[in-house]
Structure formats: structure tokens, C-alpha cells
Amino acid sequence: MSENAPNAVTQVKPFKRIMLKMSGEVLMGSNEYGLDPETVNRVAEDIKEVVDAGTQVCVVVGAGNIFRGVAGAASGMDRTTADYMGMLGIVINALALQNALEHIGIQTRVQSGIRMDSICEPYIRRKAMRHMEKGRVVIFAAGTGNPYFTSDTAGALRASEMDCDAIFKGTKVDGVYTADPKKDKNATRYDKISFIDVLTKDLRVMDATAISLARENNIPIVVFDVQEKGNFAKVARSEGSYTIVSN
């Protein structure tokens, strides 16, 4: 069976430092929009389990549960303005996750790509790395701080800057499939697939800029179902279902 064939047997190596990238929709729970406190708390517990196992964790979360810049632009809003609104939505999600983590004893820092000193730190690479070395979870907010870049790209960029061993992309499915498993019952999950194949097959794991960044910096992307309680730690131990995207 070829390396990129569905269901090829593979293993996740032990990780020292992980970037967890989630969409904002993950934090909605069963709601149609906004934040579901129970879901936010459950995600925090999952992160705590990984941190307690000795892995350094940083996080980027999107803002699709609050506002999408692309959607705003599509409805006629100026794209730059819409993207900045989305970045502020990311800050809201970051603060909610920070609050949930600190309630269960995990020290955190939120660093923002847009300065807002009264509520979080500005993004400073060396400071963020030092926080993680001390066991703190660093949550990167406000995307890259620039319009026209998605939170996916922000996740890949920060993972590169932080020298992360992997990007864990938390989604609503347990990996990358040959087609949308919700629409095609014959869709098959890949255990392993290359960055090039993800791009050429337009599998939409992350946006093309994020995939290219991860590829250039040789950072594997582990795609897993973040909605299943305890799955983050399980996949970090090479257990359960997931897909590895790599060179």
C-alpha cells in the first residue's frame, strides 16, 4: 500500500511542543453561534490532560462562531474591516479559553497580534517560548495581526515561529477523507497523506497558505476530532483515529 493510500498504518511520534489549531465553531457546542461554556470547559480539560503529560501547548482558535471576515466581505463589507472584526472575535474566544484553563489550574498567557495591553500581552516570540518552557499554555489571539490572512495561516505561522513539533488541527471529523464523509458514505479516511496531495486534491485541511508554511518548515499536521472528550491526549499518544499530513 502506498504512503498516501487511505488507512496506511502510521504512528505519531512523541511531541515536546504542540500547536493546537481549532475553528471557532468548535466552541459553539450545539449552539448556532457564540460560546457554549460547557464545551469551552471540556476543551480546557482536554488541553490540561496533554499539559499534565509533559507536553508544551500553544493554541490558535478561529472566530467562526462569532464573525468571519470572509463572510463579511462577501456580503459587501470592506474586506480589511471585516478581517479586523474577525480578529477581535478571536480575542474573545482566546479570553474565554484562558478563563476556563485557569479555573482548572493551568497557567496561561494570551498574546495578541494586535496590541491591547489592558487585556493581554503583545505577541513576542521569545517571551511566548519562555512561557511554554515554564509550563504555561500560550493562546495566540488576533490572527497574524494583518487582514487577508486566516486563523489557519496564523496557526501555521506561530507553529513555525515556536518551533512546534506538530500542528494538531482539531475538527469535527476524525481525519482527512477522500471526500466529505457527511455527503459521501464511501469516503475513506487517510491515515497518512502528503502536503502536495492535500493541495492538488483540494482536500481543504487548512488553507493553501497554511499548508505551504507547514510544508516549508517541515511541521506535520495531525488532523483529529476535537469534539470527542479526551481525544487530544489520546491522539498525542498515537491512539485513536487521525490523519498525519507531512512531507
C-alpha atoms as a PDB file:
ATOM      1  CA  MET A   1       0.000   0.000   0.000  1.00  0.00           C
ATOM      2  CA  SER A   2       1.414   3.419  -0.924  1.00  0.00           C
ATOM      3  CA  GLU A   3       2.289   6.070   1.620  1.00  0.00           C
ATOM      4  CA  ASN A   4      -0.663   8.219   0.634  1.00  0.00           C
ATOM      5  CA  ALA A   5      -3.185   5.421   0.372  1.00  0.00           C
ATOM      6  CA  PRO A   6      -6.157   5.505   2.735  1.00  0.00           C
ATOM      7  CA  ASN A   7      -5.749   3.614   6.006  1.00  0.00           C
ATOM      8  CA  ALA A   8      -1.970   3.130   5.741  1.00  0.00           C
ATOM      9  CA  VAL A   9      -0.555   2.189   9.153  1.00  0.00           C
ATOM     10  CA  THR A  10       1.372   5.041  10.775  1.00  0.00           C
ATOM     11  CA  GLN A  11       2.419   6.322  14.180  1.00  0.00           C
ATOM     12  CA  VAL A  12       2.593   9.728  15.833  1.00  0.00           C
ATOM     13  CA  LYS A  13       5.970  10.368  17.437  1.00  0.00           C
ATOM     14  CA  PRO A  14       6.185  11.804  20.967  1.00  0.00           C
ATOM     15  CA  PHE A  15       5.852  15.571  20.896  1.00  0.00           C
ATOM     16  CA  LYS A  16       7.613  18.130  23.069  1.00  0.00           C
ATOM     17  CA  ARG A  17       5.637  21.154  21.818  1.00  0.00           C
ATOM     18  CA  ILE A  18       2.286  21.183  20.021  1.00  0.00           C
ATOM     19  CA  MET A  19       0.247  23.866  18.313  1.00  0.00           C
ATOM     20  CA  LEU A  20      -3.480  23.176  18.749  1.00  0.00           C
ATOM     21  CA  LYS A  21      -5.456  24.858  15.958  1.00  0.00           C
ATOM     22  CA  MET A  22      -9.235  24.875  16.299  1.00  0.00           C
ATOM     23  CA  SER A  23     -12.032  26.609  14.455  1.00  0.00           C
ATOM     24  CA  GLY A  24     -14.253  28.911  16.460  1.00  0.00           C
ATOM     25  CA  GLU A  25     -17.211  26.665  15.622  1.00  0.00           C
ATOM     26  CA  VAL A  26     -15.769  24.012  17.952  1.00  0.00           C
ATOM     27  CA  LEU A  27     -16.559  26.282  20.914  1.00  0.00           C
ATOM     28  CA  MET A  28     -20.230  26.657  19.921  1.00  0.00           C
ATOM     29  CA  GLY A  29     -21.148  23.163  21.092  1.00  0.00           C
ATOM     30  CA  SER A  30     -24.694  22.529  19.931  1.00  0.00           C
ATOM     31  CA  ASN A  31     -25.479  26.242  19.709  1.00  0.00           C
ATOM     32  CA  GLU A  32     -25.935  28.054  16.415  1.00  0.00           C
ATOM     33  CA  TYR A  33     -23.426  30.767  17.312  1.00  0.00           C
ATOM     34  CA  GLY A  34     -21.407  32.161  20.213  1.00  0.00           C
ATOM     35  CA  LEU A  35     -19.765  30.252  23.049  1.00  0.00           C
ATOM     36  CA  ASP A  36     -21.046  27.211  24.891  1.00  0.00           C
ATOM     37  CA  PRO A  37     -19.465  27.304  28.391  1.00  0.00           C
ATOM     38  CA  GLU A  38     -19.697  23.536  28.816  1.00  0.00           C
ATOM     39  CA  THR A  39     -17.836  22.958  25.539  1.00  0.00           C
ATOM     40  CA  VAL A  40     -15.181  25.565  26.364  1.00  0.00           C
ATOM     41  CA  ASN A  41     -14.618  23.867  29.738  1.00  0.00           C
ATOM     42  CA  ARG A  42     -14.364  20.453  28.090  1.00  0.00           C
ATOM     43  CA  VAL A  43     -11.762  21.707  25.601  1.00  0.00           C
ATOM     44  CA  ALA A  44      -9.823  23.206  28.521  1.00  0.00           C
ATOM     45  CA  GLU A  45      -9.870  19.842  30.325  1.00  0.00           C
ATOM     46  CA  ASP A  46      -8.549  18.149  27.181  1.00  0.00           C
ATOM     47  CA  ILE A  47      -5.707  20.651  26.936  1.00  0.00           C
ATOM     48  CA  LYS A  48      -4.918  20.168  30.633  1.00  0.00           C
ATOM     49  CA  GLU A  49      -4.567  16.418  30.104  1.00  0.00           C
ATOM     50  CA  VAL A  50      -1.904  16.994  27.439  1.00  0.00           C
ATOM     51  CA  VAL A  51      -0.071  19.614  29.514  1.00  0.00           C
ATOM     52  CA  ASP A  52      -0.110  17.354  32.580  1.00  0.00           C
ATOM     53  CA  ALA A  53       1.568  14.662  30.477  1.00  0.00           C
ATOM     54  CA  GLY A  54       4.533  16.993  29.989  1.00  0.00           C
ATOM     55  CA  THR A  55       3.840  18.422  26.525  1.00  0.00           C
ATOM     56  CA  GLN A  56       4.105  22.154  25.904  1.00  0.00           C
ATOM     57  CA  VAL A  57       0.964  23.526  24.236  1.00  0.00           C
ATOM     58  CA  CYS A  58       0.118  26.701  22.377  1.00  0.00           C
ATOM     59  CA  VAL A  59      -3.272  27.409  20.833  1.00  0.00           C
ATOM     60  CA  VAL A  60      -4.801  29.308  17.932  1.00  0.00           C
ATOM     61  CA  VAL A  61      -8.588  29.371  17.689  1.00  0.00           C
ATOM     62  CA  GLY A  62     -10.655  30.923  14.924  1.00  0.00           C
ATOM     63  CA  ALA A  63     -13.717  33.161  15.239  1.00  0.00           C
ATOM     64  CA  GLY A  64     -16.272  31.432  13.016  1.00  0.00           C
ATOM     65  CA  ASN A  65     -18.640  31.187  15.990  1.00  0.00           C
ATOM     66  CA  ILE A  66     -18.667  34.993  16.232  1.00  0.00           C
ATOM     67  CA  PHE A  67     -17.708  36.580  12.907  1.00  0.00           C
ATOM     68  CA  ARG A  68     -15.981  35.509   9.710  1.00  0.00           C
ATOM     69  CA  GLY A  69     -14.092  38.196   7.819  1.00  0.00           C
ATOM     70  CA  VAL A  70     -14.542  36.379   4.503  1.00  0.00           C
ATOM     71  CA  ALA A  71     -18.301  36.140   5.061  1.00  0.00           C
ATOM     72  CA  GLY A  72     -18.472  39.814   5.953  1.00  0.00           C
ATOM     73  CA  ALA A  73     -16.591  40.737   2.789  1.00  0.00           C
ATOM     74  CA  ALA A  74     -18.870  38.504   0.717  1.00  0.00           C
ATOM     75  CA  SER A  75     -21.888  40.444   1.997  1.00  0.00           C
ATOM     76  CA  GLY A  76     -20.408  43.730   0.791  1.00  0.00           C
ATOM     77  CA  MET A  77     -18.315  44.827   3.773  1.00  0.00           C
ATOM     78  CA  ASP A  78     -14.827  46.179   3.179  1.00  0.00           C
ATOM     79  CA  ARG A  79     -12.511  43.142   3.423  1.00  0.00           C
ATOM     80  CA  THR A  80      -9.928  44.834   5.645  1.00  0.00           C
ATOM     81  CA  THR A  81     -12.592  45.989   8.110  1.00  0.00           C
ATOM     82  CA  ALA A  82     -14.248  42.569   8.091  1.00  0.00           C
ATOM     83  CA  ASP A  83     -10.948  40.812   8.774  1.00  0.00           C
ATOM     84  CA  TYR A  84     -10.168  43.095  11.712  1.00  0.00           C
ATOM     85  CA  MET A  85     -13.608  42.324  13.139  1.00  0.00           C
ATOM     86  CA  GLY A  86     -12.798  38.621  12.824  1.00  0.00           C
ATOM     87  CA  MET A  87      -9.515  39.162  14.671  1.00  0.00           C
ATOM     88  CA  LEU A  88     -11.405  40.748  17.558  1.00  0.00           C
ATOM     89  CA  GLY A  89     -13.690  37.713  17.608  1.00  0.00           C
ATOM     90  CA  ILE A  90     -10.597  35.538  18.010  1.00  0.00           C
ATOM     91  CA  VAL A  91      -9.593  37.611  21.052  1.00  0.00           C
ATOM     92  CA  ILE A  92     -12.979  36.917  22.646  1.00  0.00           C
ATOM     93  CA  ASN A  93     -12.521  33.169  22.135  1.00  0.00           C
ATOM     94  CA  ALA A  94      -8.943  33.315  23.450  1.00  0.00           C
ATOM     95  CA  LEU A  95     -10.029  35.055  26.651  1.00  0.00           C
ATOM     96  CA  ALA A  96     -12.848  32.542  27.174  1.00  0.00           C
ATOM     97  CA  LEU A  97     -10.424  29.634  26.793  1.00  0.00           C
ATOM     98  CA  GLN A  98      -7.899  31.337  29.071  1.00  0.00           C
ATOM     99  CA  ASN A  99     -10.541  31.733  31.768  1.00  0.00           C
ATOM    100  CA  ALA A 100     -11.575  28.065  31.507  1.00  0.00           C
ATOM    101  CA  LEU A 101      -7.961  26.844  31.697  1.00  0.00           C
ATOM    102  CA  GLU A 102      -7.078  28.968  34.704  1.00  0.00           C
ATOM    103  CA  HIS A 103     -10.183  27.753  36.533  1.00  0.00           C
ATOM    104  CA  ILE A 104      -8.699  24.247  36.412  1.00  0.00           C
ATOM    105  CA  GLY A 105      -5.220  25.281  37.489  1.00  0.00           C
ATOM    106  CA  ILE A 106      -3.423  25.724  34.164  1.00  0.00           C
ATOM    107  CA  GLN A 107      -1.364  28.915  33.913  1.00  0.00           C
ATOM    108  CA  THR A 108      -1.870  30.726  30.612  1.00  0.00           C
ATOM    109  CA  ARG A 109      -0.897  33.777  28.659  1.00  0.00           C
ATOM    110  CA  VAL A 110      -2.829  35.345  25.799  1.00  0.00           C
ATOM    111  CA  GLN A 111      -0.621  37.093  23.253  1.00  0.00           C
ATOM    112  CA  SER A 112      -2.263  39.220  20.587  1.00  0.00           C
ATOM    113  CA  GLY A 113      -1.081  40.149  17.110  1.00  0.00           C
ATOM    114  CA  ILE A 114      -2.872  43.484  17.687  1.00  0.00           C
ATOM    115  CA  ARG A 115      -1.794  45.399  20.768  1.00  0.00           C
ATOM    116  CA  MET A 116      -4.428  45.584  23.513  1.00  0.00           C
ATOM    117  CA  ASP A 117      -2.281  45.847  26.605  1.00  0.00           C
ATOM    118  CA  SER A 118      -5.108  46.136  29.124  1.00  0.00           C
ATOM    119  CA  ILE A 119      -6.282  42.547  28.492  1.00  0.00           C
ATOM    120  CA  CYS A 120      -3.319  40.575  27.098  1.00  0.00           C
ATOM    121  CA  GLU A 121       0.319  40.653  26.106  1.00  0.00           C
ATOM    122  CA  PRO A 122       1.537  41.731  22.684  1.00  0.00           C
ATOM    123  CA  TYR A 123       2.985  38.896  20.623  1.00  0.00           C
ATOM    124  CA  ILE A 124       6.680  38.498  21.474  1.00  0.00           C
ATOM    125  CA  ARG A 125       8.228  35.286  20.171  1.00  0.00           C
ATOM    126  CA  ARG A 126      10.919  34.733  22.797  1.00  0.00           C
ATOM    127  CA  LYS A 127       8.533  35.581  25.615  1.00  0.00           C
ATOM    128  CA  ALA A 128       5.964  33.099  24.303  1.00  0.00           C
ATOM    129  CA  MET A 129       8.585  30.351  24.127  1.00  0.00           C
ATOM    130  CA  ARG A 130       9.679  31.119  27.685  1.00  0.00           C
ATOM    131  CA  HIS A 131       6.077  30.874  28.895  1.00  0.00           C
ATOM    132  CA  MET A 132       5.754  27.398  27.375  1.00  0.00           C
ATOM    133  CA  GLU A 133       9.063  26.291  28.846  1.00  0.00           C
ATOM    134  CA  LYS A 134       7.570  27.203  32.239  1.00  0.00           C
ATOM    135  CA  GLY A 135       4.536  25.003  31.536  1.00  0.00           C
ATOM    136  CA  ARG A 136       2.116  27.765  30.629  1.00  0.00           C
ATOM    137  CA  VAL A 137      -0.334  27.446  27.747  1.00  0.00           C
ATOM    138  CA  VAL A 138       0.067  30.332  25.314  1.00  0.00           C
ATOM    139  CA  ILE A 139      -3.044  31.312  23.363  1.00  0.00           C
ATOM    140  CA  PHE A 140      -2.282  33.392  20.279  1.00  0.00           C
ATOM    141  CA  ALA A 141      -5.072  35.852  19.518  1.00  0.00           C
ATOM    142  CA  ALA A 142      -5.980  38.278  16.722  1.00  0.00           C
ATOM    143  CA  GLY A 143      -4.578  36.076  13.965  1.00  0.00           C
ATOM    144  CA  THR A 144      -1.399  37.374  12.373  1.00  0.00           C
ATOM    145  CA  GLY A 145      -2.453  40.940  13.151  1.00  0.00           C
ATOM    146  CA  ASN A 146      -2.939  41.565   9.441  1.00  0.00           C
ATOM    147  CA  PRO A 147      -6.010  41.367   7.200  1.00  0.00           C
ATOM    148  CA  TYR A 148      -6.252  38.870   4.326  1.00  0.00           C
ATOM    149  CA  PHE A 149      -4.745  36.066   6.427  1.00  0.00           C
ATOM    150  CA  THR A 150      -6.873  33.343   8.021  1.00  0.00           C
ATOM    151  CA  SER A 151      -6.545  31.860  11.501  1.00  0.00           C
ATOM    152  CA  ASP A 152      -5.236  28.712   9.770  1.00  0.00           C
ATOM    153  CA  THR A 153      -2.335  30.740   8.423  1.00  0.00           C
ATOM    154  CA  ALA A 154      -1.837  32.290  11.865  1.00  0.00           C
ATOM    155  CA  GLY A 155      -1.673  28.796  13.364  1.00  0.00           C
ATOM    156  CA  ALA A 156       0.931  27.613  10.861  1.00  0.00           C
ATOM    157  CA  LEU A 157       2.934  30.832  11.257  1.00  0.00           C
ATOM    158  CA  ARG A 158       3.001  30.703  15.059  1.00  0.00           C
ATOM    159  CA  ALA A 159       3.793  26.977  14.992  1.00  0.00           C
ATOM    160  CA  SER A 160       6.783  27.742  12.769  1.00  0.00           C
ATOM    161  CA  GLU A 161       7.938  30.591  14.995  1.00  0.00           C
ATOM    162  CA  MET A 162       7.526  28.498  18.161  1.00  0.00           C
ATOM    163  CA  ASP A 163       9.468  25.535  16.718  1.00  0.00           C
ATOM    164  CA  CYS A 164       6.476  23.255  17.305  1.00  0.00           C
ATOM    165  CA  ASP A 165       6.856  19.549  16.563  1.00  0.00           C
ATOM    166  CA  ALA A 166       3.369  19.394  15.049  1.00  0.00           C
ATOM    167  CA  ILE A 167       0.164  21.266  14.385  1.00  0.00           C
ATOM    168  CA  PHE A 168      -2.850  19.421  15.804  1.00  0.00           C
ATOM    169  CA  LYS A 169      -5.827  20.537  13.712  1.00  0.00           C
ATOM    170  CA  GLY A 170      -8.968  19.909  15.758  1.00  0.00           C
ATOM    171  CA  THR A 171     -12.009  19.415  13.531  1.00  0.00           C
ATOM    172  CA  LYS A 172     -15.449  17.795  13.589  1.00  0.00           C
ATOM    173  CA  VAL A 173     -14.230  14.623  11.841  1.00  0.00           C
ATOM    174  CA  ASP A 174     -11.534  12.106  12.748  1.00  0.00           C
ATOM    175  CA  GLY A 175      -9.105  12.899   9.936  1.00  0.00           C
ATOM    176  CA  VAL A 176      -8.781  13.674   6.243  1.00  0.00           C
ATOM    177  CA  TYR A 177     -11.093  11.782   3.874  1.00  0.00           C
ATOM    178  CA  THR A 178     -11.122  11.163   0.147  1.00  0.00           C
ATOM    179  CA  ALA A 179     -14.419  13.095   0.094  1.00  0.00           C
ATOM    180  CA  ASP A 180     -16.747  14.748   2.582  1.00  0.00           C
ATOM    181  CA  PRO A 181     -17.805  11.814   4.815  1.00  0.00           C
ATOM    182  CA  LYS A 182     -21.054  13.597   5.667  1.00  0.00           C
ATOM    183  CA  LYS A 183     -22.025  13.654   1.994  1.00  0.00           C
ATOM    184  CA  ASP A 184     -20.309  10.532   0.642  1.00  0.00           C
ATOM    185  CA  LYS A 185     -20.767   7.270   2.562  1.00  0.00           C
ATOM    186  CA  ASN A 186     -17.970   5.705   0.521  1.00  0.00           C
ATOM    187  CA  ALA A 187     -15.407   8.310   1.597  1.00  0.00           C
ATOM    188  CA  THR A 188     -12.298   6.704   3.068  1.00  0.00           C
ATOM    189  CA  ARG A 189     -10.056   8.170   5.738  1.00  0.00           C
ATOM    190  CA  TYR A 190      -6.350   8.630   5.098  1.00  0.00           C
ATOM    191  CA  ASP A 191      -4.020   7.690   7.927  1.00  0.00           C
ATOM    192  CA  LYS A 192      -1.194   9.485   6.140  1.00  0.00           C
ATOM    193  CA  ILE A 193      -1.060  11.872   3.190  1.00  0.00           C
ATOM    194  CA  SER A 194       1.479  14.331   1.777  1.00  0.00           C
ATOM    195  CA  PHE A 195       1.169  18.111   1.740  1.00  0.00           C
ATOM    196  CA  ILE A 196       1.341  18.038  -2.048  1.00  0.00           C
ATOM    197  CA  ASP A 197      -1.569  15.613  -2.320  1.00  0.00           C
ATOM    198  CA  VAL A 198      -3.642  17.728   0.061  1.00  0.00           C
ATOM    199  CA  LEU A 199      -3.078  20.738  -2.188  1.00  0.00           C
ATOM    200  CA  THR A 200      -3.536  19.013  -5.541  1.00  0.00           C
ATOM    201  CA  LYS A 201      -6.650  17.140  -4.389  1.00  0.00           C
ATOM    202  CA  ASP A 202      -8.029  20.302  -2.745  1.00  0.00           C
ATOM    203  CA  LEU A 203      -8.831  18.423   0.460  1.00  0.00           C
ATOM    204  CA  ARG A 204      -9.243  21.628   2.486  1.00  0.00           C
ATOM    205  CA  VAL A 205      -7.388  20.512   5.608  1.00  0.00           C
ATOM    206  CA  MET A 206      -6.254  24.109   6.114  1.00  0.00           C
ATOM    207  CA  ASP A 207      -5.975  26.952   3.631  1.00  0.00           C
ATOM    208  CA  ALA A 208      -3.258  26.746   0.987  1.00  0.00           C
ATOM    209  CA  THR A 209      -1.040  29.362   2.629  1.00  0.00           C
ATOM    210  CA  ALA A 210      -1.082  27.452   5.936  1.00  0.00           C
ATOM    211  CA  ILE A 211      -0.326  24.165   4.185  1.00  0.00           C
ATOM    212  CA  SER A 212       2.574  25.751   2.320  1.00  0.00           C
ATOM    213  CA  LEU A 213       4.019  27.213   5.529  1.00  0.00           C
ATOM    214  CA  ALA A 214       3.815  23.875   7.307  1.00  0.00           C
ATOM    215  CA  ARG A 215       5.367  22.133   4.328  1.00  0.00           C
ATOM    216  CA  GLU A 216       8.250  24.584   4.011  1.00  0.00           C
ATOM    217  CA  ASN A 217       9.043  24.282   7.714  1.00  0.00           C
ATOM    218  CA  ASN A 218       8.501  20.503   7.798  1.00  0.00           C
ATOM    219  CA  ILE A 219       5.835  20.641  10.519  1.00  0.00           C
ATOM    220  CA  PRO A 220       3.398  17.719  10.273  1.00  0.00           C
ATOM    221  CA  ILE A 221      -0.319  18.427  10.648  1.00  0.00           C
ATOM    222  CA  VAL A 222      -2.287  15.917  12.712  1.00  0.00           C
ATOM    223  CA  VAL A 223      -5.997  16.113  11.871  1.00  0.00           C
ATOM    224  CA  PHE A 224      -8.336  14.701  14.528  1.00  0.00           C
ATOM    225  CA  ASP A 225     -11.816  15.006  16.018  1.00  0.00           C
ATOM    226  CA  VAL A 226     -11.516  17.586  18.800  1.00  0.00           C
ATOM    227  CA  GLN A 227     -15.185  17.199  19.770  1.00  0.00           C
ATOM    228  CA  GLU A 228     -14.586  13.801  21.375  1.00  0.00           C
ATOM    229  CA  LYS A 229     -13.696  14.231  25.034  1.00  0.00           C
ATOM    230  CA  GLY A 230     -10.108  13.223  25.770  1.00  0.00           C
ATOM    231  CA  ASN A 231      -9.236  12.762  22.114  1.00  0.00           C
ATOM    232  CA  PHE A 232      -6.487  15.403  22.056  1.00  0.00           C
ATOM    233  CA  ALA A 233      -4.416  13.464  24.607  1.00  0.00           C
ATOM    234  CA  LYS A 234      -5.333  10.147  23.024  1.00  0.00           C
ATOM    235  CA  VAL A 235      -4.065  11.179  19.594  1.00  0.00           C
ATOM    236  CA  ALA A 236      -0.924  12.700  21.150  1.00  0.00           C
ATOM    237  CA  ARG A 237      -0.259   9.160  22.464  1.00  0.00           C
ATOM    238  CA  SER A 238      -0.709   7.684  18.949  1.00  0.00           C
ATOM    239  CA  GLU A 239      -4.107   6.239  19.846  1.00  0.00           C
ATOM    240  CA  GLY A 240      -7.467   6.536  18.111  1.00  0.00           C
ATOM    241  CA  SER A 241      -8.233   7.813  14.618  1.00  0.00           C
ATOM    242  CA  TYR A 242      -6.403  10.660  12.950  1.00  0.00           C
ATOM    243  CA  THR A 243      -4.583  11.636   9.759  1.00  0.00           C
ATOM    244  CA  ILE A 244      -0.992  12.841   9.511  1.00  0.00           C
ATOM    245  CA  VAL A 245      -0.202  15.325   6.742  1.00  0.00           C
ATOM    246  CA  SER A 246       3.540  15.582   6.174  1.00  0.00           C
ATOM    247  CA  ASN A 247       6.356  15.703   3.636  1.00  0.00           C
END
